Amino acid sequence: MAAYIICYDLTNPGRNYQNLYEKIKSYGTWARVTESNWVIVTTKTAVQIRDDLLTVLDSNDRLFVVKSGREAAWHNSRCKNEWLKAKL
């Protein structure tokens, strides 16, 4: 099992994102660190978590999932992909 950090920007102010919160909580061991940052513990990979959470997000929402350590996956980040690949 590993800890993963989940960060997101939800871009539709009128939308109810309760499905996202429930999806994150379904991993069992979780903590909401800030308004849009959570930590979960799971045996899944960052890519699997990202793909799972994308099922309840809008296509223009931003999502960042990083394993506490080195492995990472993201979607629609604000910074350059090359920077993330080099720094993580």
PDB file of N, CA and C in Angstrom:
ATOM      1  N   MET A   1       0.842  -1.175   0.000  1.00  0.00           N
ATOM      2  CA  MET A   1       0.000   0.000   0.000  1.00  0.00           C
ATOM      3  C   MET A   1       0.890   1.243   0.000  1.00  0.00           C
ATOM      4  N   ALA A   2       0.405   2.271  -0.689  1.00  0.00           N
ATOM      5  CA  ALA A   2       1.156   3.519  -0.773  1.00  0.00           C
ATOM      6  C   ALA A   2       0.206   4.694  -0.598  1.00  0.00           C
ATOM      7  N   ALA A   3       0.768   5.812  -0.158  1.00  0.00           N
ATOM      8  CA  ALA A   3      -0.008   7.041  -0.028  1.00  0.00           C
ATOM      9  C   ALA A   3       0.099   7.844  -1.315  1.00  0.00           C
ATOM     10  N   TYR A   4      -1.029   8.404  -1.749  1.00  0.00           N
ATOM     11  CA  TYR A   4      -1.086   9.240  -2.947  1.00  0.00           C
ATOM     12  C   TYR A   4      -1.717  10.573  -2.596  1.00  0.00           C
ATOM     13  N   ILE A   5      -1.175  11.624  -3.170  1.00  0.00           N
ATOM     14  CA  ILE A   5      -1.718  12.964  -3.002  1.00  0.00           C
ATOM     15  C   ILE A   5      -2.584  13.269  -4.217  1.00  0.00           C
ATOM     16  N   ILE A   6      -3.796  13.722  -3.975  1.00  0.00           N
ATOM     17  CA  ILE A   6      -4.729  14.082  -5.041  1.00  0.00           C
ATOM     18  C   ILE A   6      -5.001  15.580  -4.937  1.00  0.00           C
ATOM     19  N   CYS A   7      -4.745  16.294  -6.018  1.00  0.00           N
ATOM     20  CA  CYS A   7      -5.012  17.734  -6.088  1.00  0.00           C
ATOM     21  C   CYS A   7      -5.876  17.993  -7.311  1.00  0.00           C
ATOM     22  N   TYR A   8      -6.783  18.948  -7.213  1.00  0.00           N
ATOM     23  CA  TYR A   8      -7.650  19.227  -8.356  1.00  0.00           C
ATOM     24  C   TYR A   8      -8.100  20.675  -8.358  1.00  0.00           C
ATOM     25  N   ASP A   9      -8.475  21.143  -9.557  1.00  0.00           N
ATOM     26  CA  ASP A   9      -9.173  22.411  -9.763  1.00  0.00           C
ATOM     27  C   ASP A   9     -10.488  22.058 -10.428  1.00  0.00           C
ATOM     28  N   LEU A  10     -11.580  22.404  -9.792  1.00  0.00           N
ATOM     29  CA  LEU A  10     -12.904  22.149 -10.348  1.00  0.00           C
ATOM     30  C   LEU A  10     -13.380  23.439 -10.994  1.00  0.00           C
ATOM     31  N   THR A  11     -13.558  23.405 -12.315  1.00  0.00           N
ATOM     32  CA  THR A  11     -13.750  24.640 -13.071  1.00  0.00           C
ATOM     33  C   THR A  11     -15.197  25.039 -13.301  1.00  0.00           C
ATOM     34  N   ASN A  12     -16.146  24.231 -12.909  1.00  0.00           N
ATOM     35  CA  ASN A  12     -17.551  24.559 -13.100  1.00  0.00           C
ATOM     36  C   ASN A  12     -18.146  24.944 -11.746  1.00  0.00           C
ATOM     37  N   PRO A  13     -18.258  26.247 -11.452  1.00  0.00           N
ATOM     38  CA  PRO A  13     -18.663  26.678 -10.110  1.00  0.00           C
ATOM     39  C   PRO A  13     -20.065  26.235  -9.694  1.00  0.00           C
ATOM     40  N   GLY A  14     -20.947  25.984 -10.628  1.00  0.00           N
ATOM     41  CA  GLY A  14     -22.300  25.604 -10.272  1.00  0.00           C
ATOM     42  C   GLY A  14     -22.523  24.113 -10.130  1.00  0.00           C
ATOM     43  N   ARG A  15     -21.521  23.313 -10.427  1.00  0.00           N
ATOM     44  CA  ARG A  15     -21.679  21.857 -10.430  1.00  0.00           C
ATOM     45  C   ARG A  15     -21.468  21.280  -9.036  1.00  0.00           C
ATOM     46  N   ASN A  16     -22.218  20.254  -8.716  1.00  0.00           N
ATOM     47  CA  ASN A  16     -22.079  19.537  -7.452  1.00  0.00           C
ATOM     48  C   ASN A  16     -21.035  18.438  -7.643  1.00  0.00           C
ATOM     49  N   TYR A  17     -19.959  18.509  -6.880  1.00  0.00           N
ATOM     50  CA  TYR A  17     -18.876  17.537  -7.015  1.00  0.00           C
ATOM     51  C   TYR A  17     -18.918  16.468  -5.928  1.00  0.00           C
ATOM     52  N   GLN A  18     -20.078  16.232  -5.350  1.00  0.00           N
ATOM     53  CA  GLN A  18     -20.210  15.219  -4.302  1.00  0.00           C
ATOM     54  C   GLN A  18     -19.760  13.842  -4.787  1.00  0.00           C
ATOM     55  N   ASN A  19     -20.004  13.535  -6.068  1.00  0.00           N
ATOM     56  CA  ASN A  19     -19.569  12.240  -6.613  1.00  0.00           C
ATOM     57  C   ASN A  19     -18.059  12.082  -6.543  1.00  0.00           C
ATOM     58  N   LEU A  20     -17.316  13.165  -6.762  1.00  0.00           N
ATOM     59  CA  LEU A  20     -15.855  13.114  -6.649  1.00  0.00           C
ATOM     60  C   LEU A  20     -15.457  12.820  -5.209  1.00  0.00           C
ATOM     61  N   TYR A  21     -16.055  13.521  -4.269  1.00  0.00           N
ATOM     62  CA  TYR A  21     -15.705  13.315  -2.859  1.00  0.00           C
ATOM     63  C   TYR A  21     -16.008  11.881  -2.421  1.00  0.00           C
ATOM     64  N   GLU A  22     -17.130  11.359  -2.854  1.00  0.00           N
ATOM     65  CA  GLU A  22     -17.488   9.982  -2.512  1.00  0.00           C
ATOM     66  C   GLU A  22     -16.535   8.983  -3.165  1.00  0.00           C
ATOM     67  N   LYS A  23     -16.120   9.257  -4.395  1.00  0.00           N
ATOM     68  CA  LYS A  23     -15.175   8.373  -5.096  1.00  0.00           C
ATOM     69  C   LYS A  23     -13.849   8.338  -4.344  1.00  0.00           C
ATOM     70  N   ILE A  24     -13.363   9.494  -3.909  1.00  0.00           N
ATOM     71  CA  ILE A  24     -12.110   9.548  -3.146  1.00  0.00           C
ATOM     72  C   ILE A  24     -12.268   8.790  -1.826  1.00  0.00           C
ATOM     73  N   LYS A  25     -13.363   9.007  -1.138  1.00  0.00           N
ATOM     74  CA  LYS A  25     -13.595   8.336   0.148  1.00  0.00           C
ATOM     75  C   LYS A  25     -13.742   6.828  -0.005  1.00  0.00           C
ATOM     76  N   SER A  26     -14.115   6.372  -1.196  1.00  0.00           N
ATOM     77  CA  SER A  26     -14.302   4.932  -1.418  1.00  0.00           C
ATOM     78  C   SER A  26     -12.995   4.156  -1.325  1.00  0.00           C
ATOM     79  N   TYR A  27     -11.871   4.849  -1.366  1.00  0.00           N
ATOM     80  CA  TYR A  27     -10.587   4.157  -1.210  1.00  0.00           C
ATOM     81  C   TYR A  27     -10.369   3.692   0.224  1.00  0.00           C
ATOM     82  N   GLY A  28     -11.203   4.130   1.148  1.00  0.00           N
ATOM     83  CA  GLY A  28     -11.164   3.619   2.517  1.00  0.00           C
ATOM     84  C   GLY A  28     -10.319   4.451   3.455  1.00  0.00           C
ATOM     85  N   THR A  29      -9.037   4.535   3.200  1.00  0.00           N
ATOM     86  CA  THR A  29      -8.140   5.320   4.039  1.00  0.00           C
ATOM     87  C   THR A  29      -7.863   6.628   3.321  1.00  0.00           C
ATOM     88  N   TRP A  30      -8.374   7.730   3.852  1.00  0.00           N
ATOM     89  CA  TRP A  30      -8.249   9.013   3.177  1.00  0.00           C
ATOM     90  C   TRP A  30      -8.214  10.149   4.193  1.00  0.00           C
ATOM     91  N   ALA A  31      -7.694  11.289   3.728  1.00  0.00           N
ATOM     92  CA  ALA A  31      -7.717  12.529   4.507  1.00  0.00           C
ATOM     93  C   ALA A  31      -7.856  13.684   3.532  1.00  0.00           C
ATOM     94  N   ARG A  32      -8.704  14.637   3.863  1.00  0.00           N
ATOM     95  CA  ARG A  32      -8.830  15.851   3.055  1.00  0.00           C
ATOM     96  C   ARG A  32      -7.890  16.879   3.663  1.00  0.00           C
ATOM     97  N   VAL A  33      -6.777  17.108   2.999  1.00  0.00           N
ATOM     98  CA  VAL A  33      -5.710  17.942   3.548  1.00  0.00           C
ATOM     99  C   VAL A  33      -6.055  19.427   3.447  1.00  0.00           C
ATOM    100  N   THR A  34      -6.548  19.857   2.306  1.00  0.00           N
ATOM    101  CA  THR A  34      -7.020  21.227   2.105  1.00  0.00           C
ATOM    102  C   THR A  34      -8.304  21.152   1.293  1.00  0.00           C
ATOM    103  N   GLU A  35      -8.836  22.280   0.895  1.00  0.00           N
ATOM    104  CA  GLU A  35     -10.093  22.310   0.155  1.00  0.00           C
ATOM    105  C   GLU A  35     -10.061  21.408  -1.067  1.00  0.00           C
ATOM    106  N   SER A  36      -8.948  21.389  -1.778  1.00  0.00           N
ATOM    107  CA  SER A  36      -8.875  20.589  -3.009  1.00  0.00           C
ATOM    108  C   SER A  36      -7.671  19.650  -3.032  1.00  0.00           C
ATOM    109  N   ASN A  37      -7.221  19.220  -1.862  1.00  0.00           N
ATOM    110  CA  ASN A  37      -6.102  18.282  -1.760  1.00  0.00           C
ATOM    111  C   ASN A  37      -6.433  17.188  -0.754  1.00  0.00           C
ATOM    112  N   TRP A  38      -6.278  15.964  -1.196  1.00  0.00           N
ATOM    113  CA  TRP A  38      -6.567  14.796  -0.370  1.00  0.00           C
ATOM    114  C   TRP A  38      -5.353  13.872  -0.378  1.00  0.00           C
ATOM    115  N   VAL A  39      -5.281  13.003   0.612  1.00  0.00           N
ATOM    116  CA  VAL A  39      -4.316  11.903   0.619  1.00  0.00           C
ATOM    117  C   VAL A  39      -5.116  10.621   0.804  1.00  0.00           C
ATOM    118  N   ILE A  40      -4.805   9.624  -0.018  1.00  0.00           N
ATOM    119  CA  ILE A  40      -5.432   8.310   0.120  1.00  0.00           C
ATOM    120  C   ILE A  40      -4.339   7.262   0.226  1.00  0.00           C
ATOM    121  N   VAL A  41      -4.686   6.111   0.755  1.00  0.00           N
ATOM    122  CA  VAL A  41      -3.773   4.971   0.809  1.00  0.00           C
ATOM    123  C   VAL A  41      -4.428   3.839   0.037  1.00  0.00           C
ATOM    124  N   THR A  42      -3.693   3.275  -0.925  1.00  0.00           N
ATOM    125  CA  THR A  42      -4.257   2.253  -1.800  1.00  0.00           C
ATOM    126  C   THR A  42      -3.149   1.408  -2.422  1.00  0.00           C
ATOM    127  N   THR A  43      -3.541   0.297  -3.009  1.00  0.00           N
ATOM    128  CA  THR A  43      -2.603  -0.534  -3.768  1.00  0.00           C
ATOM    129  C   THR A  43      -2.617  -0.158  -5.248  1.00  0.00           C
ATOM    130  N   LYS A  44      -3.530   0.720  -5.657  1.00  0.00           N
ATOM    131  CA  LYS A  44      -3.607   1.129  -7.061  1.00  0.00           C
ATOM    132  C   LYS A  44      -2.448   2.045  -7.429  1.00  0.00           C
ATOM    133  N   THR A  45      -2.243   2.217  -8.737  1.00  0.00           N
ATOM    134  CA  THR A  45      -1.211   3.124  -9.232  1.00  0.00           C
ATOM    135  C   THR A  45      -1.794   4.526  -9.406  1.00  0.00           C
ATOM    136  N   ALA A  46      -0.920   5.495  -9.609  1.00  0.00           N
ATOM    137  CA  ALA A  46      -1.367   6.869  -9.859  1.00  0.00           C
ATOM    138  C   ALA A  46      -2.242   6.937 -11.104  1.00  0.00           C
ATOM    139  N   VAL A  47      -1.866   6.219 -12.143  1.00  0.00           N
ATOM    140  CA  VAL A  47      -2.648   6.212 -13.384  1.00  0.00           C
ATOM    141  C   VAL A  47      -4.033   5.618 -13.142  1.00  0.00           C
ATOM    142  N   GLN A  48      -4.105   4.526 -12.391  1.00  0.00           N
ATOM    143  CA  GLN A  48      -5.399   3.909 -12.086  1.00  0.00           C
ATOM    144  C   GLN A  48      -6.291   4.853 -11.274  1.00  0.00           C
ATOM    145  N   ILE A  49      -5.702   5.547 -10.311  1.00  0.00           N
ATOM    146  CA  ILE A  49      -6.463   6.503  -9.502  1.00  0.00           C
ATOM    147  C   ILE A  49      -6.951   7.652 -10.378  1.00  0.00           C
ATOM    148  N   ARG A  50      -6.043   8.202 -11.195  1.00  0.00           N
ATOM    149  CA  ARG A  50      -6.430   9.290 -12.100  1.00  0.00           C
ATOM    150  C   ARG A  50      -7.592   8.874 -12.985  1.00  0.00           C
ATOM    151  N   ASP A  51      -7.457   7.712 -13.622  1.00  0.00           N
ATOM    152  CA  ASP A  51      -8.497   7.245 -14.537  1.00  0.00           C
ATOM    153  C   ASP A  51      -9.819   7.016 -13.808  1.00  0.00           C
ATOM    154  N   ASP A  52      -9.749   6.513 -12.586  1.00  0.00           N
ATOM    155  CA  ASP A  52     -10.947   6.289 -11.786  1.00  0.00           C
ATOM    156  C   ASP A  52     -11.637   7.616 -11.462  1.00  0.00           C
ATOM    157  N   LEU A  53     -10.872   8.610 -11.040  1.00  0.00           N
ATOM    158  CA  LEU A  53     -11.449   9.900 -10.673  1.00  0.00           C
ATOM    159  C   LEU A  53     -11.956  10.673 -11.885  1.00  0.00           C
ATOM    160  N   LEU A  54     -11.330  10.471 -13.034  1.00  0.00           N
ATOM    161  CA  LEU A  54     -11.787  11.159 -14.250  1.00  0.00           C
ATOM    162  C   LEU A  54     -13.216  10.785 -14.624  1.00  0.00           C
ATOM    163  N   THR A  55     -13.690   9.643 -14.153  1.00  0.00           N
ATOM    164  CA  THR A  55     -15.056   9.222 -14.484  1.00  0.00           C
ATOM    165  C   THR A  55     -16.114  10.120 -13.843  1.00  0.00           C
ATOM    166  N   VAL A  56     -15.736  10.911 -12.839  1.00  0.00           N
ATOM    167  CA  VAL A  56     -16.697  11.797 -12.176  1.00  0.00           C
ATOM    168  C   VAL A  56     -16.329  13.276 -12.301  1.00  0.00           C
ATOM    169  N   LEU A  57     -15.360  13.591 -13.162  1.00  0.00           N
ATOM    170  CA  LEU A  57     -14.947  14.977 -13.386  1.00  0.00           C
ATOM    171  C   LEU A  57     -15.398  15.457 -14.752  1.00  0.00           C
ATOM    172  N   ASP A  58     -15.497  16.773 -14.912  1.00  0.00           N
ATOM    173  CA  ASP A  58     -15.736  17.363 -16.222  1.00  0.00           C
ATOM    174  C   ASP A  58     -14.423  17.364 -17.001  1.00  0.00           C
ATOM    175  N   SER A  59     -14.503  17.405 -18.313  1.00  0.00           N
ATOM    176  CA  SER A  59     -13.304  17.319 -19.154  1.00  0.00           C
ATOM    177  C   SER A  59     -12.359  18.502 -18.965  1.00  0.00           C
ATOM    178  N   ASN A  60     -12.852  19.642 -18.497  1.00  0.00           N
ATOM    179  CA  ASN A  60     -11.974  20.799 -18.302  1.00  0.00           C
ATOM    180  C   ASN A  60     -11.490  20.951 -16.857  1.00  0.00           C
ATOM    181  N   ASP A  61     -11.879  20.050 -15.959  1.00  0.00           N
ATOM    182  CA  ASP A  61     -11.341  20.050 -14.599  1.00  0.00           C
ATOM    183  C   ASP A  61      -9.884  19.615 -14.643  1.00  0.00           C
ATOM    184  N   ARG A  62      -9.110  20.076 -13.669  1.00  0.00           N
ATOM    185  CA  ARG A  62      -7.696  19.702 -13.594  1.00  0.00           C
ATOM    186  C   ARG A  62      -7.512  18.698 -12.455  1.00  0.00           C
ATOM    187  N   LEU A  63      -6.622  17.728 -12.692  1.00  0.00           N
ATOM    188  CA  LEU A  63      -6.403  16.674 -11.704  1.00  0.00           C
ATOM    189  C   LEU A  63      -4.931  16.313 -11.674  1.00  0.00           C
ATOM    190  N   PHE A  64      -4.386  16.153 -10.462  1.00  0.00           N
ATOM    191  CA  PHE A  64      -2.987  15.785 -10.263  1.00  0.00           C
ATOM    192  C   PHE A  64      -2.948  14.713  -9.185  1.00  0.00           C
ATOM    193  N   VAL A  65      -2.353  13.564  -9.504  1.00  0.00           N
ATOM    194  CA  VAL A  65      -2.226  12.451  -8.563  1.00  0.00           C
ATOM    195  C   VAL A  65      -0.751  12.086  -8.485  1.00  0.00           C
ATOM    196  N   VAL A  66      -0.187  12.110  -7.294  1.00  0.00           N
ATOM    197  CA  VAL A  66       1.238  11.787  -7.150  1.00  0.00           C
ATOM    198  C   VAL A  66       1.433  10.834  -5.971  1.00  0.00           C
ATOM    199  N   LYS A  67       2.229   9.808  -6.221  1.00  0.00           N
ATOM    200  CA  LYS A  67       2.577   8.862  -5.160  1.00  0.00           C
ATOM    201  C   LYS A  67       3.567   9.542  -4.236  1.00  0.00           C
ATOM    202  N   SER A  68       3.373   9.358  -2.988  1.00  0.00           N
ATOM    203  CA  SER A  68       4.300   9.908  -2.023  1.00  0.00           C
ATOM    204  C   SER A  68       5.645   9.233  -2.264  1.00  0.00           C
ATOM    205  N   GLY A  69       6.499   9.898  -2.975  1.00  0.00           N
ATOM    206  CA  GLY A  69       7.782   9.332  -3.391  1.00  0.00           C
ATOM    207  C   GLY A  69       8.141   9.771  -4.789  1.00  0.00           C
ATOM    208  N   ARG A  70       7.752   8.998  -5.826  1.00  0.00           N
ATOM    209  CA  ARG A  70       8.228   9.306  -7.167  1.00  0.00           C
ATOM    210  C   ARG A  70       7.179   9.165  -8.275  1.00  0.00           C
ATOM    211  N   GLU A  71       6.347   8.170  -8.291  1.00  0.00           N
ATOM    212  CA  GLU A  71       5.410   7.918  -9.379  1.00  0.00           C
ATOM    213  C   GLU A  71       4.326   8.993  -9.424  1.00  0.00           C
ATOM    214  N   ALA A  72       3.948   9.428 -10.638  1.00  0.00           N
ATOM    215  CA  ALA A  72       2.913  10.457 -10.750  1.00  0.00           C
ATOM    216  C   ALA A  72       2.128  10.326 -12.046  1.00  0.00           C
ATOM    217  N   ALA A  73       0.913  10.836 -12.039  1.00  0.00           N
ATOM    218  CA  ALA A  73       0.076  10.934 -13.236  1.00  0.00           C
ATOM    219  C   ALA A  73      -0.770  12.182 -13.075  1.00  0.00           C
ATOM    220  N   TRP A  74      -1.054  12.872 -14.173  1.00  0.00           N
ATOM    221  CA  TRP A  74      -1.840  14.095 -14.076  1.00  0.00           C
ATOM    222  C   TRP A  74      -2.669  14.294 -15.322  1.00  0.00           C
ATOM    223  N   HIS A  75      -3.591  15.250 -15.222  1.00  0.00           N
ATOM    224  CA  HIS A  75      -4.481  15.570 -16.332  1.00  0.00           C
ATOM    225  C   HIS A  75      -4.720  17.071 -16.350  1.00  0.00           C
ATOM    226  N   ASN A  76      -4.450  17.695 -17.469  1.00  0.00           N
ATOM    227  CA  ASN A  76      -4.806  19.099 -17.684  1.00  0.00           C
ATOM    228  C   ASN A  76      -4.172  20.022 -16.645  1.00  0.00           C
ATOM    229  N   SER A  77      -2.893  19.833 -16.363  1.00  0.00           N
ATOM    230  CA  SER A  77      -2.224  20.666 -15.363  1.00  0.00           C
ATOM    231  C   SER A  77      -1.960  22.068 -15.915  1.00  0.00           C
ATOM    232  N   ARG A  78      -1.783  23.022 -15.022  1.00  0.00           N
ATOM    233  CA  ARG A  78      -1.507  24.403 -15.416  1.00  0.00           C
ATOM    234  C   ARG A  78      -0.060  24.592 -15.842  1.00  0.00           C
ATOM    235  N   CYS A  79       0.847  23.778 -15.329  1.00  0.00           N
ATOM    236  CA  CYS A  79       2.256  23.938 -15.689  1.00  0.00           C
ATOM    237  C   CYS A  79       2.628  22.994 -16.828  1.00  0.00           C
ATOM    238  N   LYS A  80       3.815  23.176 -17.362  1.00  0.00           N
ATOM    239  CA  LYS A  80       4.288  22.387 -18.503  1.00  0.00           C
ATOM    240  C   LYS A  80       4.526  20.930 -18.097  1.00  0.00           C
ATOM    241  N   ASN A  81       4.093  20.010 -18.936  1.00  0.00           N
ATOM    242  CA  ASN A  81       4.319  18.585 -18.679  1.00  0.00           C
ATOM    243  C   ASN A  81       5.799  18.279 -18.536  1.00  0.00           C
ATOM    244  N   GLU A  82       6.640  18.940 -19.346  1.00  0.00           N
ATOM    245  CA  GLU A  82       8.084  18.695 -19.307  1.00  0.00           C
ATOM    246  C   GLU A  82       8.664  19.045 -17.934  1.00  0.00           C
ATOM    247  N   TRP A  83       8.177  20.125 -17.328  1.00  0.00           N
ATOM    248  CA  TRP A  83       8.663  20.521 -16.013  1.00  0.00           C
ATOM    249  C   TRP A  83       8.310  19.453 -14.990  1.00  0.00           C
ATOM    250  N   LEU A  84       7.071  18.992 -15.021  1.00  0.00           N
ATOM    251  CA  LEU A  84       6.650  17.962 -14.078  1.00  0.00           C
ATOM    252  C   LEU A  84       7.464  16.688 -14.241  1.00  0.00           C
ATOM    253  N   LYS A  85       7.667  16.267 -15.499  1.00  0.00           N
ATOM    254  CA  LYS A  85       8.443  15.047 -15.746  1.00  0.00           C
ATOM    255  C   LYS A  85       9.863  15.187 -15.219  1.00  0.00           C
ATOM    256  N   ALA A  86      10.448  16.359 -15.361  1.00  0.00           N
ATOM    257  CA  ALA A  86      11.829  16.571 -14.928  1.00  0.00           C
ATOM    258  C   ALA A  86      11.959  16.680 -13.413  1.00  0.00           C
ATOM    259  N   LYS A  87      10.949  17.230 -12.762  1.00  0.00           N
ATOM    260  CA  LYS A  87      11.054  17.519 -11.328  1.00  0.00           C
ATOM    261  C   LYS A  87      10.543  16.412 -10.422  1.00  0.00           C
ATOM    262  N   LEU A  88       9.610  15.615 -10.914  1.00  0.00           N
ATOM    263  CA  LEU A  88       9.045  14.574 -10.047  1.00  0.00           C
ATOM    264  C   LEU A  88       9.879  13.320 -10.037  1.00  0.00           C
TER     265      LEU A  88
END
